[in-house]
Amino acid sequence: MGISNILQSLPKTIISSVIATLIFFGVLFYINDGWANDRYFWSAIFRYMHVVSGIMWIGLLWYFNFVQIPSMPKIPDEQKPAIGKVIAPTALFWFRWAALSTIITGLITAYLNGYVHEALAFKGNPKNITIGIGMWLGIIMAFNVWFIIWPNQKRALGIVECDPETKSKSARMAMLISRTNTFLSIPMLLTMVIAQNLY
């Protein structure tokens, strides 16, 4: 099986990437003389999962706002159903589940590192307060995804039947809240990155 055969299939590409990641993990485990099966080990695992999920989530958020939404007026009407019936529903599936995964793995990481309560309550050192701001921004964004964007997108895309006026209003609401999340994403990412360099 050649590399081109693997790369032509997304499932084969992902499986191969996971295998390569496990090999890299094994090498890192070996050169570090192993890691204890403790809180720090699991914190590293969940932080990795948090970052991977976050890349998927914010990547799709920015795809919608930087690519799909601005491009829709330029697409001929006869081609728009392909976006609404095929591409958007698939992208929204990965979008909403990546949002949930990002929040869950982030909270687990914060718990394993012992700062979840202080961060969510904005207590403790500057690092906890800073990451707490980012955590709350992320939680608000994930709430928006599941309880505002997704219900409105279901109406806008015709997944849920509704009258044309409701469909139009739903599309506008989904877009505005998606833009709100884009607005929140940049300061949220700042707090997540800056917090790693604070004490």
N, C-alpha and C. Protein backbone atom coordinates (compact mmCIF):
# COMPACT_ATOMS: atom_id res chain seq x y z
N MET A 1 0.86 -1.19 0.00
CA MET A 1 0.00 0.00 0.00
C MET A 1 0.89 1.24 0.00
N GLY A 2 0.80 2.05 -1.05
CA GLY A 2 1.63 3.24 -1.17
C GLY A 2 1.07 4.39 -0.36
N ILE A 3 1.92 5.40 -0.17
CA ILE A 3 1.50 6.58 0.59
C ILE A 3 0.36 7.30 -0.11
N SER A 4 0.36 7.31 -1.46
CA SER A 4 -0.72 7.99 -2.18
C SER A 4 -2.05 7.30 -1.97
N ASN A 5 -2.02 5.97 -1.81
CA ASN A 5 -3.24 5.21 -1.54
C ASN A 5 -3.81 5.60 -0.18
N ILE A 6 -2.92 5.80 0.80
CA ILE A 6 -3.36 6.21 2.14
C ILE A 6 -3.95 7.61 2.11
N LEU A 7 -3.26 8.53 1.41
CA LEU A 7 -3.66 9.93 1.42
C LEU A 7 -4.93 10.20 0.61
N GLN A 8 -5.32 9.26 -0.23
CA GLN A 8 -6.56 9.44 -0.99
C GLN A 8 -7.79 9.17 -0.14
N SER A 9 -7.60 8.57 1.02
CA SER A 9 -8.71 8.25 1.92
C SER A 9 -8.52 9.00 3.23
N LEU A 10 -9.53 9.79 3.62
CA LEU A 10 -9.43 10.51 4.90
C LEU A 10 -9.34 9.56 6.09
N PRO A 11 -10.19 8.52 6.17
CA PRO A 11 -10.05 7.59 7.31
C PRO A 11 -8.65 6.96 7.39
N LYS A 12 -8.11 6.54 6.24
CA LYS A 12 -6.77 5.94 6.25
C LYS A 12 -5.72 6.98 6.66
N THR A 13 -5.90 8.22 6.21
CA THR A 13 -4.97 9.29 6.59
C THR A 13 -4.99 9.51 8.10
N ILE A 14 -6.20 9.58 8.69
CA ILE A 14 -6.33 9.82 10.12
C ILE A 14 -5.78 8.64 10.92
N ILE A 15 -6.11 7.42 10.51
CA ILE A 15 -5.59 6.24 11.21
C ILE A 15 -4.07 6.21 11.15
N SER A 16 -3.51 6.51 9.99
CA SER A 16 -2.05 6.54 9.85
C SER A 16 -1.43 7.61 10.72
N SER A 17 -2.09 8.77 10.80
CA SER A 17 -1.60 9.86 11.63
C SER A 17 -1.63 9.47 13.11
N VAL A 18 -2.69 8.79 13.53
CA VAL A 18 -2.79 8.33 14.92
C VAL A 18 -1.68 7.33 15.22
N ILE A 19 -1.42 6.42 14.29
CA ILE A 19 -0.34 5.44 14.47
C ILE A 19 1.01 6.16 14.59
N ALA A 20 1.24 7.14 13.70
CA ALA A 20 2.49 7.92 13.76
C ALA A 20 2.60 8.67 15.09
N THR A 21 1.48 9.21 15.55
CA THR A 21 1.47 9.92 16.83
C THR A 21 1.84 8.98 17.98
N LEU A 22 1.29 7.77 17.96
CA LEU A 22 1.61 6.79 19.00
C LEU A 22 3.08 6.39 18.96
N ILE A 23 3.64 6.29 17.75
CA ILE A 23 5.07 5.99 17.63
C ILE A 23 5.90 7.12 18.21
N PHE A 24 5.54 8.37 17.84
CA PHE A 24 6.25 9.53 18.41
C PHE A 24 6.12 9.53 19.94
N PHE A 25 4.92 9.22 20.42
CA PHE A 25 4.69 9.17 21.86
C PHE A 25 5.61 8.13 22.51
N GLY A 26 5.71 6.95 21.86
CA GLY A 26 6.58 5.90 22.37
C GLY A 26 8.04 6.33 22.42
N VAL A 27 8.48 7.04 21.38
CA VAL A 27 9.86 7.55 21.35
C VAL A 27 10.08 8.55 22.48
N LEU A 28 9.13 9.48 22.64
CA LEU A 28 9.24 10.47 23.72
C LEU A 28 9.22 9.80 25.09
N PHE A 29 8.38 8.78 25.22
CA PHE A 29 8.32 8.03 26.46
C PHE A 29 9.67 7.39 26.77
N TYR A 30 10.29 6.82 25.74
CA TYR A 30 11.58 6.14 25.91
C TYR A 30 12.70 7.12 26.26
N ILE A 31 12.80 8.24 25.53
CA ILE A 31 13.91 9.16 25.78
C ILE A 31 13.75 9.93 27.09
N ASN A 32 12.53 9.94 27.63
CA ASN A 32 12.31 10.57 28.93
C ASN A 32 12.32 9.55 30.07
N ASP A 33 12.83 8.35 29.78
CA ASP A 33 12.88 7.28 30.78
C ASP A 33 11.50 6.96 31.37
N GLY A 34 10.50 7.09 30.52
CA GLY A 34 9.14 6.77 30.95
C GLY A 34 8.52 7.88 31.77
N TRP A 35 7.21 7.85 31.86
CA TRP A 35 6.47 8.80 32.68
C TRP A 35 5.65 8.02 33.68
N ALA A 36 5.52 8.60 34.85
CA ALA A 36 4.67 7.96 35.86
C ALA A 36 3.21 8.08 35.43
N ASN A 37 2.45 7.07 35.76
CA ASN A 37 1.02 7.08 35.45
C ASN A 37 0.31 7.91 36.53
N ASP A 38 0.56 9.22 36.46
CA ASP A 38 0.05 10.10 37.51
C ASP A 38 -0.75 11.24 36.89
N ARG A 39 -1.10 12.19 37.73
CA ARG A 39 -1.90 13.35 37.32
C ARG A 39 -1.22 14.15 36.21
N TYR A 40 0.10 14.29 36.26
CA TYR A 40 0.82 15.08 35.26
C TYR A 40 0.79 14.40 33.89
N PHE A 41 0.89 13.08 33.91
CA PHE A 41 0.81 12.32 32.66
C PHE A 41 -0.54 12.53 32.01
N TRP A 42 -1.63 12.34 32.77
CA TRP A 42 -2.97 12.47 32.22
C TRP A 42 -3.29 13.92 31.87
N SER A 43 -2.70 14.85 32.60
CA SER A 43 -2.86 16.25 32.25
C SER A 43 -2.29 16.53 30.86
N ALA A 44 -1.13 15.95 30.56
CA ALA A 44 -0.52 16.13 29.24
C ALA A 44 -1.39 15.51 28.15
N ILE A 45 -1.95 14.34 28.41
CA ILE A 45 -2.81 13.66 27.43
C ILE A 45 -4.06 14.50 27.15
N PHE A 46 -4.72 14.96 28.22
CA PHE A 46 -5.95 15.73 28.02
C PHE A 46 -5.67 17.12 27.45
N ARG A 47 -4.50 17.70 27.78
CA ARG A 47 -4.15 18.98 27.17
C ARG A 47 -3.97 18.82 25.66
N TYR A 48 -3.34 17.73 25.26
CA TYR A 48 -3.17 17.44 23.82
C TYR A 48 -4.54 17.31 23.15
N MET A 49 -5.43 16.54 23.77
CA MET A 49 -6.78 16.36 23.21
C MET A 49 -7.52 17.70 23.16
N HIS A 50 -7.31 18.54 24.17
CA HIS A 50 -7.92 19.86 24.23
C HIS A 50 -7.45 20.73 23.05
N VAL A 51 -6.15 20.70 22.80
CA VAL A 51 -5.60 21.50 21.70
C VAL A 51 -6.10 20.99 20.35
N VAL A 52 -6.11 19.67 20.16
CA VAL A 52 -6.58 19.10 18.89
C VAL A 52 -8.05 19.47 18.66
N SER A 53 -8.87 19.31 19.70
CA SER A 53 -10.30 19.66 19.58
C SER A 53 -10.47 21.15 19.30
N GLY A 54 -9.68 21.97 20.00
CA GLY A 54 -9.77 23.43 19.81
C GLY A 54 -9.39 23.86 18.41
N ILE A 55 -8.38 23.20 17.84
CA ILE A 55 -7.99 23.52 16.46
C ILE A 55 -9.14 23.22 15.50
N MET A 56 -9.78 22.07 15.69
CA MET A 56 -10.92 21.71 14.85
C MET A 56 -12.05 22.74 15.02
N TRP A 57 -12.34 23.09 16.26
CA TRP A 57 -13.46 24.01 16.54
C TRP A 57 -13.20 25.40 15.98
N ILE A 58 -12.10 26.01 16.37
CA ILE A 58 -11.84 27.38 15.94
C ILE A 58 -11.52 27.42 14.45
N GLY A 59 -10.89 26.36 13.95
CA GLY A 59 -10.64 26.29 12.50
C GLY A 59 -11.92 26.34 11.71
N LEU A 60 -12.92 25.58 12.14
CA LEU A 60 -14.21 25.59 11.44
C LEU A 60 -14.96 26.90 11.66
N LEU A 61 -14.86 27.46 12.86
CA LEU A 61 -15.47 28.78 13.11
C LEU A 61 -14.91 29.81 12.14
N TRP A 62 -13.60 29.81 11.98
CA TRP A 62 -12.98 30.77 11.08
C TRP A 62 -13.25 30.43 9.61
N TYR A 63 -13.38 29.13 9.29
CA TYR A 63 -13.77 28.75 7.93
C TYR A 63 -15.13 29.36 7.60
N PHE A 64 -16.10 29.19 8.51
CA PHE A 64 -17.43 29.76 8.26
C PHE A 64 -17.36 31.26 8.05
N ASN A 65 -16.61 31.97 8.90
CA ASN A 65 -16.63 33.42 8.90
C ASN A 65 -15.67 34.06 7.90
N PHE A 66 -14.57 33.40 7.60
CA PHE A 66 -13.60 33.97 6.66
C PHE A 66 -13.80 33.46 5.23
N VAL A 67 -14.46 32.29 5.08
CA VAL A 67 -14.57 31.67 3.76
C VAL A 67 -16.02 31.51 3.32
N GLN A 68 -16.79 30.70 4.05
CA GLN A 68 -18.12 30.33 3.56
C GLN A 68 -19.09 31.50 3.50
N ILE A 69 -19.26 32.20 4.63
CA ILE A 69 -20.25 33.30 4.65
C ILE A 69 -19.91 34.40 3.65
N PRO A 70 -18.64 34.88 3.57
CA PRO A 70 -18.34 35.91 2.58
C PRO A 70 -18.45 35.43 1.13
N SER A 71 -18.29 34.11 0.92
CA SER A 71 -18.31 33.58 -0.45
C SER A 71 -19.72 33.31 -0.96
N MET A 72 -20.69 33.15 -0.07
CA MET A 72 -22.03 32.77 -0.51
C MET A 72 -22.65 33.72 -1.53
N PRO A 73 -22.51 35.06 -1.37
CA PRO A 73 -23.10 35.95 -2.39
C PRO A 73 -22.47 35.79 -3.78
N LYS A 74 -21.25 35.27 -3.84
CA LYS A 74 -20.55 35.11 -5.11
C LYS A 74 -20.87 33.79 -5.81
N ILE A 75 -21.55 32.88 -5.11
CA ILE A 75 -21.86 31.57 -5.66
C ILE A 75 -23.18 31.64 -6.43
N PRO A 76 -23.22 31.14 -7.67
CA PRO A 76 -24.48 31.13 -8.42
C PRO A 76 -25.57 30.37 -7.68
N ASP A 77 -26.81 30.84 -7.81
CA ASP A 77 -27.93 30.27 -7.06
C ASP A 77 -28.07 28.77 -7.28
N GLU A 78 -27.81 28.30 -8.49
CA GLU A 78 -27.99 26.87 -8.76
C GLU A 78 -26.93 26.01 -8.06
N GLN A 79 -25.84 26.63 -7.61
CA GLN A 79 -24.79 25.88 -6.92
C GLN A 79 -24.92 25.95 -5.39
N LYS A 80 -25.71 26.88 -4.90
CA LYS A 80 -25.82 27.06 -3.45
C LYS A 80 -26.38 25.85 -2.70
N PRO A 81 -27.31 25.06 -3.28
CA PRO A 81 -27.79 23.88 -2.55
C PRO A 81 -26.68 22.91 -2.16
N ALA A 82 -25.62 22.84 -2.93
CA ALA A 82 -24.50 21.95 -2.57
C ALA A 82 -23.88 22.37 -1.24
N ILE A 83 -23.81 23.68 -1.02
CA ILE A 83 -23.27 24.18 0.25
C ILE A 83 -24.24 23.87 1.38
N GLY A 84 -25.52 24.25 1.18
CA GLY A 84 -26.52 24.11 2.23
C GLY A 84 -26.91 22.68 2.56
N LYS A 85 -26.85 21.79 1.56
CA LYS A 85 -27.30 20.41 1.78
C LYS A 85 -26.18 19.44 2.08
N VAL A 86 -24.94 19.76 1.69
CA VAL A 86 -23.84 18.80 1.85
C VAL A 86 -22.73 19.35 2.73
N ILE A 87 -22.13 20.48 2.33
CA ILE A 87 -20.93 20.97 3.02
C ILE A 87 -21.26 21.53 4.40
N ALA A 88 -22.24 22.43 4.48
CA ALA A 88 -22.54 23.07 5.76
C ALA A 88 -22.98 22.08 6.84
N PRO A 89 -23.90 21.13 6.56
CA PRO A 89 -24.27 20.19 7.61
C PRO A 89 -23.10 19.35 8.13
N THR A 90 -22.21 18.94 7.23
CA THR A 90 -21.04 18.17 7.66
C THR A 90 -20.11 19.03 8.50
N ALA A 91 -19.86 20.25 8.04
CA ALA A 91 -18.99 21.16 8.79
C ALA A 91 -19.59 21.47 10.15
N LEU A 92 -20.91 21.65 10.22
CA LEU A 92 -21.57 21.94 11.49
C LEU A 92 -21.54 20.75 12.45
N PHE A 93 -21.56 19.54 11.91
CA PHE A 93 -21.43 18.35 12.76
C PHE A 93 -20.10 18.37 13.51
N TRP A 94 -18.99 18.53 12.75
CA TRP A 94 -17.67 18.55 13.36
C TRP A 94 -17.50 19.79 14.24
N PHE A 95 -18.10 20.89 13.83
CA PHE A 95 -18.02 22.16 14.56
C PHE A 95 -18.59 22.03 15.97
N ARG A 96 -19.81 21.52 16.07
CA ARG A 96 -20.46 21.49 17.39
C ARG A 96 -19.84 20.43 18.30
N TRP A 97 -19.46 19.27 17.74
CA TRP A 97 -18.85 18.24 18.59
C TRP A 97 -17.44 18.61 18.99
N ALA A 98 -16.72 19.32 18.14
CA ALA A 98 -15.38 19.81 18.51
C ALA A 98 -15.49 20.85 19.63
N ALA A 99 -16.54 21.67 19.57
CA ALA A 99 -16.76 22.66 20.64
C ALA A 99 -16.97 21.95 21.98
N LEU A 100 -17.83 20.93 21.99
CA LEU A 100 -18.09 20.19 23.22
C LEU A 100 -16.83 19.49 23.72
N SER A 101 -16.12 18.85 22.81
CA SER A 101 -14.88 18.15 23.18
C SER A 101 -13.84 19.11 23.74
N THR A 102 -13.74 20.31 23.15
CA THR A 102 -12.79 21.31 23.64
C THR A 102 -13.09 21.71 25.07
N ILE A 103 -14.37 21.94 25.36
CA ILE A 103 -14.76 22.34 26.72
C ILE A 103 -14.52 21.22 27.71
N ILE A 104 -14.93 20.00 27.38
CA ILE A 104 -14.78 18.88 28.32
C ILE A 104 -13.31 18.60 28.59
N THR A 105 -12.49 18.50 27.54
CA THR A 105 -11.06 18.20 27.76
C THR A 105 -10.36 19.36 28.45
N GLY A 106 -10.81 20.59 28.21
CA GLY A 106 -10.23 21.75 28.90
C GLY A 106 -10.54 21.73 30.38
N LEU A 107 -11.78 21.41 30.74
CA LEU A 107 -12.16 21.34 32.15
C LEU A 107 -11.43 20.19 32.86
N ILE A 108 -11.28 19.06 32.18
CA ILE A 108 -10.54 17.94 32.77
C ILE A 108 -9.08 18.33 32.98
N THR A 109 -8.49 19.01 32.00
CA THR A 109 -7.10 19.46 32.13
C THR A 109 -6.95 20.41 33.31
N ALA A 110 -7.89 21.35 33.43
CA ALA A 110 -7.85 22.30 34.55
C ALA A 110 -8.00 21.58 35.88
N TYR A 111 -8.87 20.58 35.93
CA TYR A 111 -9.05 19.80 37.16
C TYR A 111 -7.77 19.05 37.51
N LEU A 112 -7.18 18.38 36.53
CA LEU A 112 -5.96 17.59 36.78
C LEU A 112 -4.80 18.47 37.22
N ASN A 113 -4.81 19.73 36.78
CA ASN A 113 -3.74 20.66 37.17
C ASN A 113 -4.08 21.43 38.44
N GLY A 114 -5.27 21.18 38.99
CA GLY A 114 -5.63 21.74 40.28
C GLY A 114 -6.07 23.19 40.30
N TYR A 115 -6.48 23.73 39.14
CA TYR A 115 -6.88 25.13 39.15
C TYR A 115 -8.29 25.38 38.63
N VAL A 116 -9.08 24.32 38.42
CA VAL A 116 -10.39 24.52 37.81
C VAL A 116 -11.29 25.43 38.64
N HIS A 117 -11.34 25.23 39.97
CA HIS A 117 -12.23 26.03 40.82
C HIS A 117 -11.76 27.49 40.88
N GLU A 118 -10.46 27.67 41.09
CA GLU A 118 -9.92 29.04 41.18
C GLU A 118 -10.10 29.79 39.86
N ALA A 119 -9.85 29.10 38.75
CA ALA A 119 -9.96 29.76 37.44
C ALA A 119 -11.40 30.18 37.15
N LEU A 120 -12.34 29.28 37.39
CA LEU A 120 -13.74 29.60 37.10
C LEU A 120 -14.29 30.67 38.02
N ALA A 121 -13.69 30.80 39.22
CA ALA A 121 -14.13 31.83 40.18
C ALA A 121 -13.25 33.07 40.13
N PHE A 122 -12.30 33.12 39.20
CA PHE A 122 -11.35 34.25 39.07
C PHE A 122 -10.62 34.51 40.37
N LYS A 123 -10.11 33.45 40.99
CA LYS A 123 -9.37 33.58 42.24
C LYS A 123 -7.95 33.07 42.05
N GLY A 124 -7.10 33.42 43.01
CA GLY A 124 -5.75 32.88 43.00
C GLY A 124 -4.76 33.76 42.26
N ASN A 125 -3.77 33.13 41.67
CA ASN A 125 -2.69 33.86 41.02
C ASN A 125 -3.11 34.38 39.64
N PRO A 126 -2.29 35.26 39.05
CA PRO A 126 -2.63 35.83 37.74
C PRO A 126 -2.85 34.77 36.65
N LYS A 127 -2.11 33.66 36.73
CA LYS A 127 -2.28 32.60 35.74
C LYS A 127 -3.69 32.02 35.80
N ASN A 128 -4.16 31.71 37.01
CA ASN A 128 -5.50 31.14 37.16
C ASN A 128 -6.58 32.11 36.71
N ILE A 129 -6.42 33.38 37.05
CA ILE A 129 -7.40 34.38 36.66
C ILE A 129 -7.43 34.55 35.14
N THR A 130 -6.24 34.59 34.54
CA THR A 130 -6.15 34.76 33.09
C THR A 130 -6.77 33.59 32.35
N ILE A 131 -6.41 32.36 32.75
CA ILE A 131 -6.97 31.20 32.06
C ILE A 131 -8.46 31.06 32.37
N GLY A 132 -8.87 31.55 33.56
CA GLY A 132 -10.29 31.55 33.90
C GLY A 132 -11.11 32.40 32.95
N ILE A 133 -10.57 33.55 32.59
CA ILE A 133 -11.25 34.41 31.60
C ILE A 133 -11.41 33.64 30.29
N GLY A 134 -10.33 32.99 29.85
CA GLY A 134 -10.40 32.20 28.61
C GLY A 134 -11.38 31.05 28.72
N MET A 135 -11.42 30.40 29.88
CA MET A 135 -12.36 29.29 30.06
C MET A 135 -13.80 29.76 29.95
N TRP A 136 -14.12 30.90 30.59
CA TRP A 136 -15.48 31.41 30.51
C TRP A 136 -15.85 31.86 29.10
N LEU A 137 -14.88 32.47 28.40
CA LEU A 137 -15.15 32.84 27.01
C LEU A 137 -15.44 31.60 26.18
N GLY A 138 -14.66 30.53 26.40
CA GLY A 138 -14.88 29.28 25.67
C GLY A 138 -16.22 28.65 26.00
N ILE A 139 -16.60 28.69 27.28
CA ILE A 139 -17.89 28.13 27.69
C ILE A 139 -19.04 28.91 27.05
N ILE A 140 -18.93 30.22 27.03
CA ILE A 140 -19.96 31.05 26.38
C ILE A 140 -20.04 30.72 24.89
N MET A 141 -18.88 30.59 24.26
CA MET A 141 -18.85 30.27 22.82
C MET A 141 -19.48 28.90 22.54
N ALA A 142 -19.17 27.91 23.39
CA ALA A 142 -19.74 26.57 23.20
C ALA A 142 -21.25 26.59 23.42
N PHE A 143 -21.70 27.36 24.42
CA PHE A 143 -23.14 27.53 24.64
C PHE A 143 -23.79 28.11 23.38
N ASN A 144 -23.16 29.13 22.81
CA ASN A 144 -23.68 29.74 21.59
C ASN A 144 -23.78 28.72 20.46
N VAL A 145 -22.77 27.86 20.34
CA VAL A 145 -22.77 26.84 19.27
C VAL A 145 -23.97 25.92 19.41
N TRP A 146 -24.15 25.37 20.60
CA TRP A 146 -25.17 24.33 20.78
C TRP A 146 -26.59 24.87 20.92
N PHE A 147 -26.73 26.04 21.54
CA PHE A 147 -28.08 26.49 21.89
C PHE A 147 -28.58 27.68 21.07
N ILE A 148 -27.72 28.27 20.25
CA ILE A 148 -28.18 29.36 19.38
C ILE A 148 -27.83 29.08 17.92
N ILE A 149 -26.55 28.86 17.64
CA ILE A 149 -26.14 28.66 16.24
C ILE A 149 -26.77 27.40 15.65
N TRP A 150 -26.60 26.26 16.32
CA TRP A 150 -27.09 25.01 15.75
C TRP A 150 -28.61 24.99 15.58
N PRO A 151 -29.44 25.36 16.56
CA PRO A 151 -30.89 25.38 16.32
C PRO A 151 -31.29 26.31 15.17
N ASN A 152 -30.63 27.46 15.07
CA ASN A 152 -30.96 28.38 13.97
C ASN A 152 -30.46 27.85 12.63
N GLN A 153 -29.31 27.20 12.63
CA GLN A 153 -28.80 26.63 11.37
C GLN A 153 -29.70 25.50 10.88
N LYS A 154 -30.26 24.74 11.80
CA LYS A 154 -31.16 23.66 11.37
C LYS A 154 -32.36 24.22 10.61
N ARG A 155 -32.87 25.36 11.05
CA ARG A 155 -33.97 26.00 10.32
C ARG A 155 -33.47 26.63 9.03
N ALA A 156 -32.32 27.30 9.10
CA ALA A 156 -31.78 27.99 7.92
C ALA A 156 -31.43 27.01 6.79
N LEU A 157 -30.97 25.82 7.15
CA LEU A 157 -30.56 24.83 6.14
C LEU A 157 -31.70 23.91 5.72
N GLY A 158 -32.87 24.06 6.34
CA GLY A 158 -34.01 23.23 5.97
C GLY A 158 -34.00 21.86 6.64
N ILE A 159 -33.13 21.65 7.62
CA ILE A 159 -33.13 20.39 8.36
C ILE A 159 -34.41 20.31 9.19
N VAL A 160 -34.83 21.47 9.71
CA VAL A 160 -36.11 21.60 10.39
C VAL A 160 -36.99 22.49 9.52
N GLU A 161 -38.18 22.02 9.21
CA GLU A 161 -39.08 22.76 8.33
C GLU A 161 -39.61 24.01 9.04
N CYS A 162 -39.67 25.12 8.28
CA CYS A 162 -40.23 26.36 8.79
C CYS A 162 -40.60 27.25 7.61
N ASP A 163 -41.31 28.32 7.89
CA ASP A 163 -41.72 29.23 6.82
C ASP A 163 -40.51 30.06 6.36
N PRO A 164 -40.57 30.64 5.16
CA PRO A 164 -39.43 31.39 4.61
C PRO A 164 -38.96 32.55 5.49
N GLU A 165 -39.89 33.23 6.15
CA GLU A 165 -39.49 34.35 7.00
C GLU A 165 -38.68 33.86 8.20
N THR A 166 -39.12 32.78 8.83
CA THR A 166 -38.39 32.21 9.97
C THR A 166 -37.03 31.70 9.52
N LYS A 167 -36.99 31.09 8.34
CA LYS A 167 -35.73 30.58 7.80
C LYS A 167 -34.73 31.72 7.61
N SER A 168 -35.20 32.83 7.06
CA SER A 168 -34.34 33.99 6.83
C SER A 168 -33.85 34.59 8.16
N LYS A 169 -34.76 34.71 9.12
CA LYS A 169 -34.37 35.25 10.43
C LYS A 169 -33.38 34.32 11.14
N SER A 170 -33.59 33.02 10.99
CA SER A 170 -32.70 32.05 11.62
C SER A 170 -31.30 32.11 11.02
N ALA A 171 -31.24 32.25 9.70
CA ALA A 171 -29.93 32.35 9.03
C ALA A 171 -29.18 33.59 9.52
N ARG A 172 -29.90 34.70 9.66
CA ARG A 172 -29.26 35.93 10.14
C ARG A 172 -28.80 35.78 11.60
N MET A 173 -29.61 35.17 12.44
CA MET A 173 -29.24 34.98 13.85
C MET A 173 -28.02 34.07 13.96
N ALA A 174 -28.01 32.99 13.19
CA ALA A 174 -26.86 32.07 13.22
C ALA A 174 -25.59 32.79 12.80
N MET A 175 -25.70 33.63 11.77
CA MET A 175 -24.54 34.37 11.29
C MET A 175 -24.04 35.37 12.35
N LEU A 176 -24.96 36.09 12.97
CA LEU A 176 -24.57 37.10 13.96
C LEU A 176 -23.91 36.47 15.19
N ILE A 177 -24.44 35.33 15.63
CA ILE A 177 -23.84 34.67 16.79
C ILE A 177 -22.52 34.01 16.41
N SER A 178 -22.42 33.53 15.19
CA SER A 178 -21.15 33.00 14.71
C SER A 178 -20.09 34.11 14.66
N ARG A 179 -20.51 35.29 14.24
CA ARG A 179 -19.60 36.44 14.24
C ARG A 179 -19.23 36.83 15.68
N THR A 180 -20.20 36.71 16.60
CA THR A 180 -19.92 36.97 18.01
C THR A 180 -18.84 36.03 18.51
N ASN A 181 -18.96 34.75 18.16
CA ASN A 181 -17.95 33.78 18.56
C ASN A 181 -16.59 34.08 17.93
N THR A 182 -16.59 34.55 16.70
CA THR A 182 -15.33 34.94 16.07
C THR A 182 -14.70 36.10 16.82
N PHE A 183 -15.53 37.07 17.21
CA PHE A 183 -15.07 38.21 18.02
C PHE A 183 -14.46 37.72 19.34
N LEU A 184 -15.13 36.77 20.00
CA LEU A 184 -14.66 36.27 21.29
C LEU A 184 -13.44 35.36 21.16
N SER A 185 -13.28 34.73 20.00
CA SER A 185 -12.21 33.73 19.85
C SER A 185 -10.82 34.33 19.94
N ILE A 186 -10.63 35.53 19.47
CA ILE A 186 -9.28 36.12 19.46
C ILE A 186 -8.82 36.46 20.88
N PRO A 187 -9.62 37.16 21.71
CA PRO A 187 -9.19 37.34 23.10
C PRO A 187 -9.13 36.03 23.88
N MET A 188 -10.03 35.07 23.58
CA MET A 188 -9.99 33.79 24.26
C MET A 188 -8.66 33.09 24.02
N LEU A 189 -8.21 33.05 22.77
CA LEU A 189 -6.93 32.42 22.45
C LEU A 189 -5.77 33.16 23.12
N LEU A 190 -5.87 34.49 23.20
CA LEU A 190 -4.82 35.27 23.88
C LEU A 190 -4.69 34.83 25.34
N THR A 191 -5.81 34.73 26.04
CA THR A 191 -5.74 34.35 27.46
C THR A 191 -5.18 32.95 27.63
N MET A 192 -5.54 32.04 26.75
CA MET A 192 -5.04 30.66 26.84
C MET A 192 -3.53 30.61 26.65
N VAL A 193 -3.03 31.40 25.69
CA VAL A 193 -1.59 31.38 25.42
C VAL A 193 -0.82 32.13 26.51
N ILE A 194 -1.30 33.33 26.86
CA ILE A 194 -0.60 34.15 27.86
C ILE A 194 -0.55 33.44 29.20
N ALA A 195 -1.62 32.74 29.57
CA ALA A 195 -1.67 32.08 30.88
C ALA A 195 -0.53 31.08 31.05
N GLN A 196 -0.09 30.49 29.96
CA GLN A 196 0.99 29.48 30.06
C GLN A 196 2.32 30.12 30.46
N ASN A 197 2.43 31.44 30.33
CA ASN A 197 3.66 32.13 30.66
C ASN A 197 3.57 32.95 31.95
N LEU A 198 2.49 32.72 32.71
CA LEU A 198 2.31 33.40 33.98
C LEU A 198 2.49 32.43 35.14
N TYR A 199 2.65 32.98 36.33
CA TYR A 199 2.82 32.16 37.54
C TYR A 199 1.66 32.36 38.49
